[in-house]
């Protein structure tokens, strides 16, 4: 997983990009299923749009923020607009 500020320029800030590998997307889908009471046992193949998923991306708008696993806060309005560490 890679978390960084977005590369676009908007009126309110760059937003935050979270990039996931295909394996991370598959784990996220499995976690979603478990959260909704669906438990799968044994090998499985997870596809997205009928194809194996190579990568995924979550974009967080400038109004939002992300806190990474190590406690770093990424404010969607950009690094200079209130991002700080949360540990």
Protein backbone atom coordinates (compact mmCIF):
# COMPACT_ATOMS: atom_id res chain seq x y z
CA UNK A 1 0.00 0.00 0.00
CA UNK A 2 1.27 3.44 -0.88
CA UNK A 3 -0.28 6.59 0.59
CA UNK A 4 0.63 10.01 -0.77
CA UNK A 5 -0.84 13.37 -1.61
CA UNK A 6 -2.67 13.52 -4.94
CA UNK A 7 -0.95 14.96 -7.96
CA UNK A 8 -3.90 16.99 -9.20
CA UNK A 9 -4.56 20.61 -8.43
CA UNK A 10 -8.04 21.54 -7.28
CA UNK A 11 -9.39 24.72 -5.76
CA UNK A 12 -9.41 23.10 -2.30
CA UNK A 13 -6.28 20.93 -2.38
CA UNK A 14 -4.67 17.87 -3.97
CA UNK A 15 -6.53 15.14 -2.09
CA UNK A 16 -4.88 11.89 -1.04
CA UNK A 17 -4.15 8.80 -3.16
CA UNK A 18 -4.04 5.30 -1.72
CA UNK A 19 -2.58 2.78 -4.17
CA UNK A 20 -3.17 -0.94 -3.59
CA UNK A 21 -1.66 -4.02 -5.20
CA UNK A 22 -3.93 -6.67 -6.66
CA UNK A 23 -3.37 -8.85 -3.59
CA UNK A 24 -4.37 -5.98 -1.31
CA UNK A 25 -7.56 -5.44 -3.31
CA UNK A 26 -8.38 -9.16 -2.99
CA UNK A 27 -7.83 -9.03 0.78
CA UNK A 28 -10.07 -5.94 0.99
CA UNK A 29 -12.83 -7.78 -0.89
CA UNK A 30 -12.47 -10.78 1.44
CA UNK A 31 -12.65 -8.45 4.47
CA UNK A 32 -15.81 -6.87 3.05
CA UNK A 33 -17.40 -10.29 2.67
CA UNK A 34 -16.52 -11.28 6.25
CA UNK A 35 -17.88 -7.96 7.54
CA UNK A 36 -21.18 -8.88 5.88
CA UNK A 37 -21.31 -12.40 7.29
CA UNK A 38 -19.92 -14.28 4.27
CA UNK A 39 -17.08 -16.65 5.19
CA UNK A 40 -15.12 -18.44 2.46
CA UNK A 41 -12.82 -21.36 3.27
CA UNK A 42 -10.15 -22.63 0.91
CA UNK A 43 -8.50 -21.31 -2.24
CA UNK A 44 -10.36 -18.72 -4.26
CA UNK A 45 -9.84 -16.42 -7.21
CA UNK A 46 -10.94 -12.82 -6.85
CA UNK A 47 -11.55 -10.91 -10.07
CA UNK A 48 -12.59 -7.32 -10.73
CA UNK A 49 -14.57 -6.61 -13.91
CA UNK A 50 -14.02 -10.26 -14.92
CA UNK A 51 -10.22 -9.95 -14.79
CA UNK A 52 -7.55 -10.55 -12.19
CA UNK A 53 -6.94 -7.26 -10.42
CA UNK A 54 -3.42 -5.90 -10.87
CA UNK A 55 -3.88 -2.78 -8.76
CA UNK A 56 -6.45 -0.47 -7.21
CA UNK A 57 -6.68 3.14 -6.19
CA UNK A 58 -8.69 5.07 -3.64
CA UNK A 59 -8.84 8.85 -4.02
CA UNK A 60 -9.81 10.88 -0.95
CA UNK A 61 -11.25 14.32 -1.74
CA UNK A 62 -9.67 17.49 -0.32
CA UNK A 63 -12.45 17.60 2.30
CA UNK A 64 -11.26 14.32 3.83
CA UNK A 65 -8.13 12.91 5.39
CA UNK A 66 -6.30 9.60 5.80
CA UNK A 67 -4.45 8.22 8.82
CA UNK A 68 -1.85 5.65 7.76
CA UNK A 69 -0.99 2.49 9.75
CA UNK A 70 2.03 4.29 11.27
CA UNK A 71 -0.13 7.19 12.52
CA UNK A 72 0.72 9.78 9.86
CA UNK A 73 -2.23 12.03 8.97
CA UNK A 74 -2.66 13.11 5.34
CA UNK A 75 -5.04 16.06 5.04
CA UNK A 76 -6.77 16.16 1.66
CA UNK A 77 -6.14 19.88 1.47
CA UNK A 78 -2.39 19.24 1.34
CA UNK A 79 0.65 18.89 3.58
CA UNK A 80 0.68 22.53 4.58
CA UNK A 81 -2.98 22.53 5.61
CA UNK A 82 -3.21 20.83 8.96
CA UNK A 83 -1.62 17.41 8.47
CA UNK A 84 0.08 16.12 11.57
CA UNK A 85 1.07 12.84 13.13
CA UNK A 86 -1.52 10.95 15.20
CA UNK A 87 0.19 8.36 17.37
